[in-house]
Every structure is written in structure tokens, then in C-alpha cells.
């Protein structure tokens, strides 16, 4: 890394001269975090729970979008409203 950053997977700092993987418009990941087959919840930012997901057998995690929601957030009173708000905030070009 030429500049410090924050990993979009684990939210930990990535320091200058550390190896990181960067994608324009997406952000940067630690090299070790790029190997993790787990998505973040679009609402709370925690693990989406891929290993316990009902769609685990048919989901292609490396190629799926970042629109997953964890079980806890999906059970909130206004889950759809929270989902819409988070999606609009993280992906402002999307009209929700």
C-alpha cells in the first residue's frame, strides 16, 4: 500500500507498505481477508452469516453482490426500511 486504508472486510487498518488488494469504487482488503468466504451485512457491517445461510449451497460468494443482510438485521421490526437506507447510503447511484 502506498497510502494507509481500512479493510472493507474486517474494518482493520492497512498500513503503508503492507500488502492490500484494491478495487476502484469498492475499497481495499487485506491479502488474508480476500481469501475469506464471508460477506458483510449491508445494514450493520458484521458478518452476513454465510456459513449458516439457507442459500449456502447455491450461492457463489466470490461473485455475489454486497447486498446481503444478516439474520439479526433481517429480523428487525423495519428490516426492509433499514435495508433500503443502508443500500442507498453505500450505493448512492442506486435508486431505491
C-alpha atoms as a PDB file:
ATOM      1  CA  UNK A   1       0.000   0.000   0.000  1.00  0.00           C
ATOM      2  CA  UNK A   2       1.227   3.479  -0.843  1.00  0.00           C
ATOM      3  CA  UNK A   3      -1.364   5.004   1.474  1.00  0.00           C
ATOM      4  CA  UNK A   4      -2.998   3.726   4.670  1.00  0.00           C
ATOM      5  CA  UNK A   5      -6.525   2.383   4.381  1.00  0.00           C
ATOM      6  CA  UNK A   6      -9.239   0.427   6.139  1.00  0.00           C
ATOM      7  CA  UNK A   7     -10.111  -3.116   5.098  1.00  0.00           C
ATOM      8  CA  UNK A   8     -13.701  -3.425   3.824  1.00  0.00           C
ATOM      9  CA  UNK A   9     -13.903  -6.970   5.220  1.00  0.00           C
ATOM     10  CA  UNK A  10     -12.562  -6.697   8.780  1.00  0.00           C
ATOM     11  CA  UNK A  11     -12.559  -2.888   9.263  1.00  0.00           C
ATOM     12  CA  UNK A  12      -8.927  -3.037  10.494  1.00  0.00           C
ATOM     13  CA  UNK A  13      -6.248  -0.589   9.338  1.00  0.00           C
ATOM     14  CA  UNK A  14      -3.986  -1.481   6.429  1.00  0.00           C
ATOM     15  CA  UNK A  15      -0.679   0.319   6.848  1.00  0.00           C
ATOM     16  CA  UNK A  16       1.690   1.776   4.252  1.00  0.00           C
ATOM     17  CA  UNK A  17       3.950  -0.936   2.741  1.00  0.00           C
ATOM     18  CA  UNK A  18       1.518  -3.692   3.806  1.00  0.00           C
ATOM     19  CA  UNK A  19       0.047  -5.860   1.025  1.00  0.00           C
ATOM     20  CA  UNK A  20      -3.543  -4.971   0.227  1.00  0.00           C
ATOM     21  CA  UNK A  21      -5.918  -5.628  -2.658  1.00  0.00           C
ATOM     22  CA  UNK A  22      -7.636  -2.530  -4.039  1.00  0.00           C
ATOM     23  CA  UNK A  23     -10.551  -2.196  -6.445  1.00  0.00           C
ATOM     24  CA  UNK A  24     -11.716   1.188  -7.726  1.00  0.00           C
ATOM     25  CA  UNK A  25     -15.082   2.082  -6.266  1.00  0.00           C
ATOM     26  CA  UNK A  26     -15.050  -0.860  -3.831  1.00  0.00           C
ATOM     27  CA  UNK A  27     -12.144  -0.248  -1.492  1.00  0.00           C
ATOM     28  CA  UNK A  28      -9.211  -2.207  -0.155  1.00  0.00           C
ATOM     29  CA  UNK A  29      -8.819  -5.585   1.580  1.00  0.00           C
ATOM     30  CA  UNK A  30      -6.007  -7.285   3.453  1.00  0.00           C
ATOM     31  CA  UNK A  31      -4.499 -10.087   1.428  1.00  0.00           C
ATOM     32  CA  UNK A  32      -5.708 -12.588   4.072  1.00  0.00           C
ATOM     33  CA  UNK A  33      -9.218 -11.090   4.098  1.00  0.00           C
ATOM     34  CA  UNK A  34      -9.565 -11.555   0.350  1.00  0.00           C
ATOM     35  CA  UNK A  35      -9.470 -15.308   0.948  1.00  0.00           C
ATOM     36  CA  UNK A  36     -12.346 -15.254   3.441  1.00  0.00           C
ATOM     37  CA  UNK A  37     -15.622 -16.596   2.038  1.00  0.00           C
ATOM     38  CA  UNK A  38     -17.884 -14.398   4.117  1.00  0.00           C
ATOM     39  CA  UNK A  39     -19.893 -11.340   3.153  1.00  0.00           C
ATOM     40  CA  UNK A  40     -20.705  -8.362   5.347  1.00  0.00           C
ATOM     41  CA  UNK A  41     -24.256  -7.415   6.257  1.00  0.00           C
ATOM     42  CA  UNK A  42     -25.196  -4.306   4.311  1.00  0.00           C
ATOM     43  CA  UNK A  43     -27.101  -2.952   7.346  1.00  0.00           C
ATOM     44  CA  UNK A  44     -24.772  -3.461  10.342  1.00  0.00           C
ATOM     45  CA  UNK A  45     -21.451  -4.316   8.674  1.00  0.00           C
ATOM     46  CA  UNK A  46     -20.967  -7.510  10.671  1.00  0.00           C
ATOM     47  CA  UNK A  47     -20.718 -10.975   9.166  1.00  0.00           C
ATOM     48  CA  UNK A  48     -23.692 -11.824   6.972  1.00  0.00           C
ATOM     49  CA  UNK A  49     -23.561 -15.409   8.282  1.00  0.00           C
ATOM     50  CA  UNK A  50     -22.713 -17.108   5.003  1.00  0.00           C
ATOM     51  CA  UNK A  51     -21.777 -20.375   6.712  1.00  0.00           C
ATOM     52  CA  UNK A  52     -25.299 -20.637   8.201  1.00  0.00           C
ATOM     53  CA  UNK A  53     -27.209 -19.196   5.234  1.00  0.00           C
ATOM     54  CA  UNK A  54     -30.057 -21.190   3.730  1.00  0.00           C
ATOM     55  CA  UNK A  55     -28.686 -20.395   0.244  1.00  0.00           C
ATOM     56  CA  UNK A  56     -25.122 -21.505   1.043  1.00  0.00           C
ATOM     57  CA  UNK A  57     -25.225 -24.469  -1.366  1.00  0.00           C
ATOM     58  CA  UNK A  58     -26.274 -22.367  -4.356  1.00  0.00           C
ATOM     59  CA  UNK A  59     -24.506 -19.075  -3.552  1.00  0.00           C
ATOM     60  CA  UNK A  60     -21.294 -18.181  -5.382  1.00  0.00           C
ATOM     61  CA  UNK A  61     -19.818 -15.996  -2.595  1.00  0.00           C
ATOM     62  CA  UNK A  62     -16.844 -14.565  -4.557  1.00  0.00           C
ATOM     63  CA  UNK A  63     -19.199 -13.358  -7.296  1.00  0.00           C
ATOM     64  CA  UNK A  64     -22.277 -12.350  -5.306  1.00  0.00           C
ATOM     65  CA  UNK A  65     -23.087  -8.675  -4.692  1.00  0.00           C
ATOM     66  CA  UNK A  66     -22.615  -6.886  -1.381  1.00  0.00           C
ATOM     67  CA  UNK A  67     -26.364  -6.696  -0.769  1.00  0.00           C
ATOM     68  CA  UNK A  68     -26.666  -9.496   1.807  1.00  0.00           C
ATOM     69  CA  UNK A  69     -28.274  -8.959   5.203  1.00  0.00           C
ATOM     70  CA  UNK A  70     -27.548 -10.922   8.379  1.00  0.00           C
ATOM     71  CA  UNK A  71     -30.178 -12.921  10.250  1.00  0.00           C
ATOM     72  CA  UNK A  72     -30.259 -10.445  13.176  1.00  0.00           C
ATOM     73  CA  UNK A  73     -30.915  -7.417  10.950  1.00  0.00           C
ATOM     74  CA  UNK A  74     -33.444  -9.316   8.829  1.00  0.00           C
ATOM     75  CA  UNK A  75     -35.497  -9.940  11.979  1.00  0.00           C
ATOM     76  CA  UNK A  76     -35.648  -6.250  12.999  1.00  0.00           C
ATOM     77  CA  UNK A  77     -39.058  -4.560  13.062  1.00  0.00           C
ATOM     78  CA  UNK A  78     -38.380  -2.391   9.975  1.00  0.00           C
ATOM     79  CA  UNK A  79     -35.842  -4.660   8.274  1.00  0.00           C
ATOM     80  CA  UNK A  80     -36.791  -3.601   4.754  1.00  0.00           C
ATOM     81  CA  UNK A  81     -36.551   0.093   5.642  1.00  0.00           C
ATOM     82  CA  UNK A  82     -33.129  -0.435   7.236  1.00  0.00           C
ATOM     83  CA  UNK A  83     -32.042  -2.403   4.178  1.00  0.00           C
ATOM     84  CA  UNK A  84     -33.193   0.358   1.807  1.00  0.00           C
ATOM     85  CA  UNK A  85     -31.495   3.090   3.854  1.00  0.00           C
ATOM     86  CA  UNK A  86     -28.194   1.177   4.061  1.00  0.00           C
ATOM     87  CA  UNK A  87     -28.238   0.295   0.368  1.00  0.00           C
ATOM     88  CA  UNK A  88     -28.905   3.887  -0.631  1.00  0.00           C
ATOM     89  CA  UNK A  89     -26.119   5.125   1.676  1.00  0.00           C
ATOM     90  CA  UNK A  90     -23.499   2.629   0.460  1.00  0.00           C
ATOM     91  CA  UNK A  91     -24.532   2.637  -3.190  1.00  0.00           C
ATOM     92  CA  UNK A  92     -25.825   6.173  -3.764  1.00  0.00           C
ATOM     93  CA  UNK A  93     -26.241   5.666  -7.507  1.00  0.00           C
ATOM     94  CA  UNK A  94     -28.912   3.046  -6.930  1.00  0.00           C
ATOM     95  CA  UNK A  95     -32.449   4.394  -6.868  1.00  0.00           C
ATOM     96  CA  UNK A  96     -34.255   2.544  -4.046  1.00  0.00           C
END
